[in-house]
Amino acid sequence: MPVKLLVLAAFVAMIITFGVLGMKRTKTFSDFFLGGGNIGPWMTAFTYGTAYFSAVLFIGFAGKIGWGFGYSGLWIALGNALVGVLGVWWLMGYRIKRMSVEYGVHTVSEFFEKRYQSPFLKLFGSVCIFVFFVPYSAAVFMGLSYLFRATFGIDYTVALVFMGGFTALYLVMGGYRSMSMIDVGFGMIMTVGVVVLLWNTVSQAGGVGNITRALAAINPALTEVVGPPGWWPLFSLVFLTSVAPFAMPQLVQKFYAIRDRRSIRIGMVASTFFALLIGGVGYFVGATTRVFLTPETAPAAFDQGTPVFDALMPELLANVIPEALSVIILLLILSASMSTLAALVLISSSAVAKDLYAGFINRQVTDKRLTLLMRLVSVFFVLLSVILAYLKPSTIVAILGISWGAIGSVFLGPFIWGLFTRKVGKIGAVLSSVTALTVCLVLYIQGVPSPQAGTIGMIVSLVVAPVVSVFAPHRANAR
């Protein structure tokens, strides 16, 4: 335990150091939010990948998906890497960067206003970002708190308060510049961590062959192309987590901040490899929860014989990883989560400070005051997320599903069509955004699982915008 605490203290000191360095170089709103728009390829690749994967993957998704789907959960990892990373960088990266310069915008909501001449769409998008990113951040805090409880025996609430306060301090100090610098270190830690995790998991099981045979003995479908839940639940998870990144504001922001087209080409290769490694190992190890955990060997992971999905991976890590190496896994999940939280907080605070306050309330706000407001709103956002995480309204997977589904429904259609064609106009964009979100939320309220509700909402968003624009006259804002 003293070694873990010592390493954790060093980790905290490293983050604070980078925060101080970033703070010294953060003078303007653009510095705080986009790092001055001059971030290189390796920083961007790591900050994209580490924002994509967090404790939500290693604690919530890997456990629940692995337990239910077995090996077929690896389709999610493949979709995330080839569609959510490679596809986004290849098809969207330079378009997003060019658009941000030509329109002179800092956020996706600002792009909506200028591209569609729609203040309403800017307002609607900003409000949705803040509302639905709070539960997303809460899910990350929940995963971290479960990990601290399993690793250190720290009370869930104490761990939650510590992580909330630390996240607010780290981000408020340096903003995106310090975040991008330290994400390179986070990415390296995650790479080493998943290699250690994979090696120890396979070794403890006696090889991949033994894992496969054990899963097949439990249920042959766990080793098939499509796992026990069937193709539609699996497709929904792949679609939700792989297609939503095409318009997720916290990932789109990375291309606003990247330096140039050459940086995008280099970053594309690096981030795709990173995603394949992180996602592949995460979902593979998640499938082994069926092999390693039973109510007898891991009682904390079960409630009267029923698996507690958010507790599966913490218990697996405690059983599989040797004590001497467990600190590496702790740093792996901490690194993934800190980057994701920082990205979410930055985007959410910009929705309030830049899009709402500077866009509607005080258009003459000074750059200095806007940067200060960003910092204050960041603290407020973390506070709300911590409170929601304390209440634990649902499983991590359900919370993330509705968050990604709702944001994807709001942004996917208007953002993609707005970048690729001039034929989609204001009416089509507004109706696609509002209709898709309504469909997503109604389905979720009626009991449809959140990944499936989100998938349907996102498909509606993509379809409604061009269909309506065929019949509704429009005039796009010229670049």
Protein backbone atom coordinates (compact mmCIF):
# COMPACT_ATOMS: atom_id res chain seq x y z
CA MET A 1 0.00 0.00 0.00
CA PRO A 2 2.75 2.56 0.77
CA VAL A 3 4.23 1.96 -2.71
CA LYS A 4 0.88 2.59 -4.36
CA LEU A 5 0.36 5.76 -2.41
CA LEU A 6 3.88 6.93 -3.27
CA VAL A 7 3.33 6.31 -6.98
CA LEU A 8 -0.09 7.98 -6.81
CA ALA A 9 1.49 11.02 -5.12
CA ALA A 10 4.11 11.19 -7.88
CA PHE A 11 1.35 10.96 -10.49
CA VAL A 12 -0.54 13.84 -8.87
CA ALA A 13 2.65 15.92 -8.64
CA MET A 14 3.34 15.33 -12.33
CA ILE A 15 -0.13 16.51 -13.34
CA ILE A 16 0.10 19.62 -11.16
CA THR A 17 3.53 20.41 -12.64
CA PHE A 18 2.15 20.29 -16.17
CA GLY A 19 -0.81 22.36 -15.01
CA VAL A 20 1.55 25.07 -13.75
CA LEU A 21 3.56 24.99 -16.98
CA GLY A 22 0.38 25.24 -19.03
CA MET A 23 -0.92 28.09 -16.89
CA LYS A 24 2.20 30.15 -17.59
CA ARG A 25 1.58 29.82 -21.33
CA THR A 26 -2.18 30.36 -21.16
CA LYS A 27 -2.89 34.03 -21.73
CA THR A 28 -6.03 34.09 -23.90
CA PHE A 29 -9.27 32.19 -24.37
CA SER A 30 -7.82 30.51 -27.45
CA ASP A 31 -4.83 29.36 -25.39
CA PHE A 32 -7.09 27.96 -22.66
CA PHE A 33 -9.57 26.24 -24.96
CA LEU A 34 -7.53 25.29 -28.05
CA GLY A 35 -3.89 25.63 -27.01
CA GLY A 36 -3.57 28.50 -29.47
CA GLY A 37 -4.64 26.26 -32.38
CA ASN A 38 -1.07 25.05 -32.85
CA ILE A 39 -0.95 21.58 -31.26
CA GLY A 40 1.30 19.04 -32.99
CA PRO A 41 0.41 15.55 -34.31
CA TRP A 42 1.63 13.40 -31.43
CA MET A 43 -0.02 15.53 -28.77
CA THR A 44 -3.26 15.54 -30.74
CA ALA A 45 -3.14 11.79 -31.40
CA PHE A 46 -2.70 10.99 -27.72
CA THR A 47 -5.20 13.58 -26.52
CA TYR A 48 -7.79 12.20 -28.98
CA GLY A 49 -7.21 8.60 -27.95
CA THR A 50 -7.10 9.25 -24.24
CA ALA A 51 -10.28 11.36 -24.46
CA TYR A 52 -12.00 8.51 -26.34
CA PHE A 53 -11.15 5.81 -23.77
CA SER A 54 -11.56 6.27 -20.02
CA ALA A 55 -12.59 4.43 -16.86
CA VAL A 56 -15.94 4.03 -18.61
CA LEU A 57 -14.27 1.47 -20.91
CA PHE A 58 -12.11 -0.33 -18.37
CA ILE A 59 -14.61 -0.37 -15.50
CA GLY A 60 -18.09 -0.22 -17.01
CA PHE A 61 -18.07 -1.24 -20.66
CA ALA A 62 -15.39 -3.93 -20.58
CA GLY A 63 -17.08 -5.68 -17.66
CA LYS A 64 -20.69 -5.58 -18.80
CA ILE A 65 -20.04 -6.09 -22.52
CA GLY A 66 -17.45 -8.78 -21.89
CA TRP A 67 -19.75 -10.67 -19.52
CA GLY A 68 -22.72 -10.51 -21.87
CA PHE A 69 -21.17 -10.68 -25.34
CA GLY A 70 -17.93 -12.61 -24.84
CA TYR A 71 -15.48 -12.39 -27.72
CA SER A 72 -17.99 -10.62 -29.99
CA GLY A 73 -17.40 -7.48 -27.92
CA LEU A 74 -14.17 -7.18 -29.91
CA TRP A 75 -16.27 -5.91 -32.81
CA ILE A 76 -16.76 -2.76 -30.76
CA ALA A 77 -13.01 -2.30 -30.45
CA LEU A 78 -12.57 -2.82 -34.19
CA GLY A 79 -15.36 -0.36 -35.00
CA ASN A 80 -13.96 2.23 -32.60
CA ALA A 81 -10.50 2.04 -34.20
CA LEU A 82 -11.44 1.85 -37.89
CA VAL A 83 -14.53 4.09 -37.85
CA GLY A 84 -14.39 6.22 -34.70
CA VAL A 85 -10.68 7.01 -35.10
CA LEU A 86 -9.33 6.22 -38.59
CA GLY A 87 -12.57 7.24 -40.32
CA VAL A 88 -12.92 10.46 -38.38
CA TRP A 89 -9.30 11.54 -38.91
CA TRP A 90 -9.28 10.58 -42.60
CA LEU A 91 -12.66 11.93 -43.67
CA MET A 92 -13.20 14.79 -41.22
CA GLY A 93 -9.89 15.93 -39.73
CA TYR A 94 -8.73 18.51 -42.26
CA ARG A 95 -12.28 19.57 -43.13
CA ILE A 96 -12.87 20.45 -39.49
CA LYS A 97 -9.60 22.36 -39.19
CA ARG A 98 -10.25 24.29 -42.40
CA MET A 99 -13.82 25.05 -41.37
CA SER A 100 -12.76 26.41 -37.98
CA VAL A 101 -10.32 28.82 -39.63
CA GLU A 102 -12.62 29.94 -42.46
CA TYR A 103 -15.62 30.50 -40.22
CA GLY A 104 -13.53 31.84 -37.34
CA VAL A 105 -15.23 29.61 -34.76
CA HIS A 106 -14.06 27.87 -31.59
CA THR A 107 -16.96 25.46 -30.94
CA VAL A 108 -19.35 23.18 -32.83
CA SER A 109 -22.30 25.30 -31.70
CA GLU A 110 -20.69 28.41 -33.19
CA PHE A 111 -20.26 26.52 -36.46
CA PHE A 112 -23.98 25.72 -36.45
CA GLU A 113 -24.86 29.38 -36.06
CA LYS A 114 -22.63 30.53 -38.92
CA ARG A 115 -23.18 27.60 -41.26
CA TYR A 116 -26.97 27.52 -40.90
CA GLN A 117 -27.57 31.13 -39.83
CA SER A 118 -29.40 29.73 -36.82
CA PRO A 119 -28.92 31.25 -33.35
CA PHE A 120 -31.50 28.70 -32.13
CA LEU A 121 -29.35 25.75 -33.20
CA LYS A 122 -26.37 27.30 -31.45
CA LEU A 123 -28.41 27.74 -28.26
CA PHE A 124 -29.94 24.27 -28.48
CA GLY A 125 -26.58 22.60 -29.06
CA SER A 126 -24.93 24.47 -26.20
CA VAL A 127 -27.63 23.56 -23.70
CA CYS A 128 -27.57 19.89 -24.77
CA ILE A 129 -23.78 19.73 -24.35
CA PHE A 130 -23.95 20.92 -20.77
CA VAL A 131 -26.98 18.82 -19.82
CA PHE A 132 -25.80 15.52 -21.29
CA PHE A 133 -22.10 15.81 -20.52
CA VAL A 134 -22.81 16.03 -16.80
CA PRO A 135 -23.95 12.36 -16.64
CA TYR A 136 -21.08 11.35 -18.94
CA SER A 137 -18.57 12.91 -16.54
CA ALA A 138 -20.43 11.37 -13.62
CA ALA A 139 -19.97 7.93 -15.20
CA VAL A 140 -16.20 8.51 -15.39
CA PHE A 141 -16.11 9.63 -11.75
CA MET A 142 -18.09 6.54 -10.77
CA GLY A 143 -15.59 4.27 -12.51
CA LEU A 144 -12.65 5.93 -10.80
CA SER A 145 -14.29 5.74 -7.40
CA TYR A 146 -15.02 2.03 -7.81
CA LEU A 147 -11.37 1.54 -8.73
CA PHE A 148 -10.10 3.42 -5.68
CA ARG A 149 -12.41 1.44 -3.44
CA ALA A 150 -11.15 -1.88 -4.84
CA THR A 151 -7.47 -0.85 -4.88
CA PHE A 152 -7.08 1.15 -1.68
CA GLY A 153 -10.17 0.24 0.30
CA ILE A 154 -11.11 3.94 0.24
CA ASP A 155 -14.76 4.79 0.76
CA TYR A 156 -16.58 5.51 -2.51
CA THR A 157 -17.62 9.00 -1.41
CA VAL A 158 -14.14 9.96 -0.20
CA ALA A 159 -12.61 8.81 -3.49
CA LEU A 160 -15.26 10.73 -5.40
CA VAL A 161 -14.59 14.00 -3.57
CA PHE A 162 -10.83 13.61 -4.02
CA MET A 163 -11.05 12.96 -7.75
CA GLY A 164 -13.53 15.78 -8.28
CA GLY A 165 -11.38 18.34 -6.48
CA PHE A 166 -8.21 17.20 -8.19
CA THR A 167 -9.80 17.29 -11.67
CA ALA A 168 -11.08 20.83 -11.13
CA LEU A 169 -7.67 22.01 -9.92
CA TYR A 170 -5.74 20.38 -12.76
CA LEU A 171 -7.96 21.73 -15.52
CA VAL A 172 -8.53 25.23 -14.17
CA MET A 173 -4.79 25.79 -13.98
CA GLY A 174 -3.72 25.27 -17.59
CA GLY A 175 -6.64 24.38 -19.83
CA TYR A 176 -6.10 22.60 -23.15
CA ARG A 177 -2.41 23.35 -23.46
CA SER A 178 -1.48 21.60 -20.22
CA MET A 179 -3.99 18.86 -21.01
CA SER A 180 -2.43 18.11 -24.40
CA MET A 181 1.08 18.06 -22.95
CA ILE A 182 0.24 15.61 -20.22
CA ASP A 183 -1.92 13.44 -22.49
CA VAL A 184 1.27 12.24 -24.17
CA GLY A 185 2.38 10.89 -20.80
CA PHE A 186 -1.10 9.51 -20.16
CA GLY A 187 -1.03 7.73 -23.52
CA MET A 188 2.33 6.10 -22.81
CA ILE A 189 1.13 4.95 -19.39
CA MET A 190 -2.02 3.49 -20.97
CA THR A 191 0.04 1.65 -23.60
CA VAL A 192 2.29 0.03 -21.00
CA GLY A 193 -0.70 -0.66 -18.77
CA VAL A 194 -2.75 -2.58 -21.33
CA VAL A 195 0.27 -4.68 -22.33
CA VAL A 196 0.77 -5.61 -18.66
CA LEU A 197 -2.95 -6.29 -18.29
CA LEU A 198 -3.10 -8.53 -21.36
CA TRP A 199 0.03 -10.48 -20.45
CA ASN A 200 -1.08 -11.18 -16.90
CA THR A 201 -4.63 -12.09 -17.87
CA VAL A 202 -3.52 -14.61 -20.48
CA SER A 203 -0.81 -16.00 -18.16
CA GLN A 204 -3.21 -16.43 -15.23
CA ALA A 205 -5.64 -18.31 -17.48
CA GLY A 206 -2.95 -20.55 -18.96
CA GLY A 207 -3.24 -19.18 -22.49
CA VAL A 208 -5.85 -17.88 -24.89
CA GLY A 209 -6.88 -21.45 -25.72
CA ASN A 210 -7.89 -22.11 -22.13
CA ILE A 211 -9.90 -18.88 -22.03
CA THR A 212 -11.72 -19.83 -25.23
CA ARG A 213 -12.52 -23.33 -23.99
CA ALA A 214 -13.74 -22.01 -20.65
CA LEU A 215 -16.03 -19.48 -22.32
CA ALA A 216 -17.39 -22.12 -24.71
CA ALA A 217 -18.12 -24.41 -21.77
CA ILE A 218 -20.15 -21.66 -20.09
CA ASN A 219 -22.02 -20.74 -23.29
CA PRO A 220 -20.79 -21.58 -26.82
CA ALA A 221 -22.22 -18.29 -28.11
CA LEU A 222 -19.63 -16.39 -26.02
CA THR A 223 -16.96 -17.42 -28.55
CA GLU A 224 -19.03 -16.89 -31.69
CA VAL A 225 -19.06 -13.96 -34.12
CA VAL A 226 -22.25 -12.60 -32.56
CA GLY A 227 -22.63 -13.11 -28.81
CA PRO A 228 -25.69 -14.27 -26.82
CA PRO A 229 -27.62 -10.94 -26.88
CA GLY A 230 -27.84 -11.04 -30.69
CA TRP A 231 -26.88 -8.85 -33.63
CA TRP A 232 -29.06 -5.79 -32.92
CA PRO A 233 -27.72 -5.04 -29.41
CA LEU A 234 -24.18 -5.64 -30.70
CA PHE A 235 -24.70 -3.44 -33.76
CA SER A 236 -26.13 -0.68 -31.55
CA LEU A 237 -23.05 -0.67 -29.34
CA VAL A 238 -20.70 -0.63 -32.33
CA PHE A 239 -22.66 2.13 -34.07
CA LEU A 240 -23.11 4.26 -30.96
CA THR A 241 -19.47 4.22 -29.89
CA SER A 242 -17.95 4.33 -33.40
CA VAL A 243 -20.18 6.77 -35.34
CA ALA A 244 -20.91 9.30 -32.59
CA PRO A 245 -17.25 10.50 -32.63
CA PHE A 246 -17.89 12.06 -36.04
CA ALA A 247 -19.73 14.82 -34.18
CA MET A 248 -18.84 14.47 -30.49
CA PRO A 249 -17.77 18.02 -29.49
CA GLN A 250 -14.96 16.90 -27.15
CA LEU A 251 -13.35 14.93 -30.02
CA VAL A 252 -14.08 17.44 -32.78
CA GLN A 253 -12.29 20.07 -30.70
CA LYS A 254 -9.00 18.23 -31.22
CA PHE A 255 -9.05 19.16 -34.92
CA TYR A 256 -9.79 22.81 -34.17
CA ALA A 257 -6.59 22.82 -32.15
CA ILE A 258 -4.28 20.78 -34.41
CA ARG A 259 -1.53 22.58 -36.31
CA ASP A 260 -1.92 21.62 -40.00
CA ARG A 261 -2.75 18.91 -42.58
CA ARG A 262 0.59 17.13 -42.15
CA SER A 263 -0.07 16.82 -38.43
CA ILE A 264 -3.43 15.23 -39.21
CA ARG A 265 -1.82 12.57 -41.43
CA ILE A 266 0.72 11.62 -38.76
CA GLY A 267 -1.80 11.74 -35.93
CA MET A 268 -4.24 9.54 -37.85
CA VAL A 269 -1.86 6.58 -37.93
CA ALA A 270 -0.75 6.96 -34.31
CA SER A 271 -4.25 7.35 -32.88
CA THR A 272 -5.63 4.38 -34.88
CA PHE A 273 -2.93 2.04 -33.58
CA PHE A 274 -3.51 3.35 -30.07
CA ALA A 275 -7.27 2.70 -30.33
CA LEU A 276 -6.79 -0.84 -31.63
CA LEU A 277 -4.51 -1.65 -28.72
CA ILE A 278 -6.54 -0.03 -25.95
CA GLY A 279 -9.97 -1.12 -27.14
CA GLY A 280 -8.88 -4.60 -28.16
CA VAL A 281 -7.26 -5.39 -24.83
CA GLY A 282 -10.10 -3.78 -22.87
CA TYR A 283 -12.89 -5.84 -24.44
CA PHE A 284 -10.84 -9.05 -24.55
CA VAL A 285 -10.03 -8.84 -20.85
CA GLY A 286 -13.66 -7.96 -20.16
CA ALA A 287 -14.71 -11.28 -21.71
CA THR A 288 -12.51 -13.14 -19.21
CA THR A 289 -14.65 -11.96 -16.28
CA ARG A 290 -16.76 -15.04 -17.01
CA VAL A 291 -13.68 -17.21 -16.54
CA PHE A 292 -12.14 -15.67 -13.44
CA LEU A 293 -15.09 -14.44 -11.37
CA THR A 294 -17.76 -16.37 -9.52
CA PRO A 295 -19.88 -15.48 -6.47
CA GLU A 296 -17.51 -17.64 -4.43
CA THR A 297 -14.20 -16.21 -5.65
CA ALA A 298 -15.34 -12.56 -5.92
CA PRO A 299 -18.40 -11.96 -3.71
CA ALA A 300 -18.11 -8.16 -4.09
CA ALA A 301 -18.83 -8.52 -7.82
CA PHE A 302 -22.17 -10.25 -7.26
CA ASP A 303 -25.44 -9.50 -5.54
CA GLN A 304 -27.24 -12.72 -4.63
CA GLY A 305 -25.58 -14.46 -7.57
CA THR A 306 -26.31 -11.67 -10.05
CA PRO A 307 -23.27 -9.84 -11.43
CA VAL A 308 -22.80 -6.20 -10.43
CA PHE A 309 -21.49 -5.02 -13.78
CA ASP A 310 -19.66 -1.92 -12.55
CA ALA A 311 -17.80 -4.05 -9.99
CA LEU A 312 -16.69 -6.84 -12.35
CA MET A 313 -13.52 -5.26 -13.74
CA PRO A 314 -12.23 -3.86 -10.43
CA GLU A 315 -12.58 -7.34 -8.93
CA LEU A 316 -10.98 -8.96 -11.97
CA LEU A 317 -8.01 -6.61 -11.74
CA ALA A 318 -7.64 -7.39 -8.05
CA ASN A 319 -7.65 -11.14 -8.82
CA VAL A 320 -5.52 -11.22 -11.97
CA ILE A 321 -2.89 -8.53 -11.54
CA PRO A 322 -0.05 -9.24 -9.06
CA GLU A 323 0.25 -6.77 -6.21
CA ALA A 324 3.60 -5.55 -7.53
CA LEU A 325 2.06 -4.58 -10.88
CA SER A 326 -1.35 -3.36 -9.74
CA VAL A 327 -0.10 0.20 -9.50
CA ILE A 328 0.49 0.18 -13.29
CA ILE A 329 -3.17 -0.70 -13.87
CA LEU A 330 -4.21 1.99 -11.43
CA LEU A 331 -2.22 4.54 -13.44
CA LEU A 332 -3.66 3.13 -16.68
CA ILE A 333 -7.23 3.85 -15.65
CA LEU A 334 -6.36 7.12 -13.95
CA SER A 335 -4.60 8.35 -17.10
CA ALA A 336 -7.51 7.39 -19.35
CA SER A 337 -10.04 9.01 -17.07
CA MET A 338 -8.24 12.27 -16.33
CA SER A 339 -7.93 13.06 -20.02
CA THR A 340 -11.57 12.26 -20.74
CA LEU A 341 -12.75 14.33 -17.80
CA ALA A 342 -10.62 17.28 -18.86
CA ALA A 343 -12.01 17.12 -22.40
CA LEU A 344 -15.61 16.95 -21.17
CA VAL A 345 -15.18 19.79 -18.70
CA LEU A 346 -13.54 22.04 -21.30
CA ILE A 347 -16.30 21.48 -23.86
CA SER A 348 -19.10 21.88 -21.33
CA SER A 349 -17.68 25.07 -19.83
CA SER A 350 -17.19 26.52 -23.33
CA ALA A 351 -20.85 25.81 -24.08
CA VAL A 352 -21.81 28.08 -21.18
CA ALA A 353 -19.05 30.71 -21.35
CA LYS A 354 -18.43 31.07 -25.09
CA ASP A 355 -21.67 29.93 -26.73
CA LEU A 356 -24.28 31.10 -24.23
CA TYR A 357 -22.74 34.00 -22.31
CA ALA A 358 -20.55 35.54 -25.01
CA GLY A 359 -22.97 34.52 -27.76
CA PHE A 360 -26.24 35.79 -26.31
CA ILE A 361 -25.78 37.70 -23.04
CA ASN A 362 -22.64 39.80 -23.39
CA ARG A 363 -21.20 39.89 -26.89
CA GLN A 364 -18.66 42.52 -25.84
CA VAL A 365 -17.08 40.42 -23.09
CA THR A 366 -13.31 40.80 -22.89
CA ASP A 367 -11.01 37.88 -23.62
CA LYS A 368 -9.66 37.97 -20.06
CA ARG A 369 -13.12 37.86 -18.51
CA LEU A 370 -14.19 35.06 -20.85
CA THR A 371 -11.19 32.95 -19.83
CA LEU A 372 -11.96 33.55 -16.14
CA LEU A 373 -15.58 32.55 -16.72
CA MET A 374 -14.42 29.34 -18.40
CA ARG A 375 -12.43 28.46 -15.30
CA LEU A 376 -15.36 29.16 -12.96
CA VAL A 377 -17.84 27.19 -15.05
CA SER A 378 -15.36 24.29 -15.17
CA VAL A 379 -15.45 24.06 -11.37
CA PHE A 380 -19.24 24.24 -11.36
CA PHE A 381 -19.49 21.47 -13.97
CA VAL A 382 -17.20 19.18 -11.96
CA LEU A 383 -19.32 19.81 -8.86
CA LEU A 384 -22.53 18.81 -10.65
CA SER A 385 -20.87 15.68 -12.06
CA VAL A 386 -19.60 14.62 -8.63
CA ILE A 387 -23.05 15.09 -7.09
CA LEU A 388 -24.64 12.92 -9.79
CA ALA A 389 -21.93 10.28 -9.40
CA TYR A 390 -22.64 10.21 -5.66
CA LEU A 391 -26.31 9.44 -6.39
CA LYS A 392 -25.34 6.56 -8.76
CA PRO A 393 -28.53 6.76 -10.84
CA SER A 394 -27.72 3.74 -13.04
CA THR A 395 -24.91 1.54 -14.35
CA ILE A 396 -21.96 3.18 -16.07
CA VAL A 397 -22.91 1.63 -19.42
CA ALA A 398 -26.48 2.95 -19.24
CA ILE A 399 -25.32 6.46 -18.30
CA LEU A 400 -22.75 6.61 -21.07
CA GLY A 401 -25.21 5.16 -23.58
CA ILE A 402 -27.80 7.87 -23.07
CA SER A 403 -25.14 10.62 -22.96
CA TRP A 404 -23.45 9.58 -26.21
CA GLY A 405 -26.78 8.77 -27.83
CA ALA A 406 -28.32 12.13 -26.96
CA ILE A 407 -25.29 14.18 -28.04
CA GLY A 408 -24.89 12.11 -31.21
CA SER A 409 -28.57 12.63 -32.03
CA VAL A 410 -28.27 16.39 -31.62
CA PHE A 411 -25.03 16.94 -33.53
CA LEU A 412 -24.44 14.10 -36.02
CA GLY A 413 -26.75 15.07 -38.88
CA PRO A 414 -26.25 18.86 -38.84
CA PHE A 415 -22.49 18.59 -38.36
CA ILE A 416 -21.67 15.97 -41.00
CA TRP A 417 -24.03 17.36 -43.66
CA GLY A 418 -22.89 20.89 -42.83
CA LEU A 419 -19.29 19.96 -43.57
CA PHE A 420 -19.84 17.89 -46.70
CA THR A 421 -22.61 19.63 -48.64
CA ARG A 422 -24.20 23.01 -49.20
CA LYS A 423 -27.58 21.43 -49.97
CA VAL A 424 -28.66 20.99 -46.35
CA GLY A 425 -30.09 24.15 -44.87
CA LYS A 426 -31.34 25.64 -41.64
CA ILE A 427 -34.76 23.96 -41.48
CA GLY A 428 -33.35 20.51 -42.20
CA ALA A 429 -30.58 20.94 -39.63
CA VAL A 430 -32.87 22.20 -36.88
CA LEU A 431 -35.52 19.53 -37.45
CA SER A 432 -32.95 16.73 -37.61
CA SER A 433 -31.39 17.82 -34.32
CA VAL A 434 -34.63 18.34 -32.38
CA THR A 435 -36.45 15.32 -33.84
CA ALA A 436 -33.54 12.95 -33.30
CA LEU A 437 -33.08 13.97 -29.67
CA THR A 438 -36.81 13.61 -29.05
CA VAL A 439 -36.84 10.11 -30.56
CA CYS A 440 -33.78 9.09 -28.53
CA LEU A 441 -35.19 10.28 -25.21
CA VAL A 442 -38.72 8.93 -25.81
CA LEU A 443 -37.35 5.49 -26.63
CA TYR A 444 -35.14 5.56 -23.54
CA ILE A 445 -38.05 6.60 -21.30
CA GLN A 446 -40.14 3.77 -22.76
CA GLY A 447 -37.53 1.25 -21.66
CA VAL A 448 -35.43 0.77 -24.80
CA PRO A 449 -31.78 0.15 -23.74
CA SER A 450 -29.76 3.35 -24.02
CA PRO A 451 -27.31 2.13 -26.73
CA GLN A 452 -30.23 1.15 -28.97
CA ALA A 453 -32.18 4.35 -28.26
CA GLY A 454 -29.06 6.37 -29.05
CA THR A 455 -28.39 4.45 -32.26
CA ILE A 456 -31.92 5.02 -33.56
CA GLY A 457 -31.71 8.71 -32.63
CA MET A 458 -28.41 9.12 -34.49
CA ILE A 459 -29.78 7.41 -37.60
CA VAL A 460 -32.80 9.74 -37.49
CA SER A 461 -30.43 12.71 -37.24
CA LEU A 462 -28.52 11.61 -40.34
CA VAL A 463 -31.66 10.94 -42.39
CA VAL A 464 -33.92 13.87 -41.50
CA ALA A 465 -31.51 16.70 -42.40
CA PRO A 466 -31.09 15.88 -46.13
CA VAL A 467 -34.69 14.66 -46.58
CA VAL A 468 -36.22 17.84 -45.17
CA SER A 469 -33.77 20.00 -47.11
CA VAL A 470 -35.04 18.52 -50.40
CA PHE A 471 -38.43 20.11 -49.77
CA ALA A 472 -37.55 23.13 -47.61
CA PRO A 473 -35.94 26.15 -49.28
CA HIS A 474 -32.68 27.23 -47.74
CA ARG A 475 -29.76 29.59 -48.12
CA ALA A 476 -26.42 28.47 -46.71
CA ASN A 477 -23.96 30.98 -45.37
CA ALA A 478 -21.11 31.41 -47.82
CA ARG A 479 -17.60 30.75 -46.58
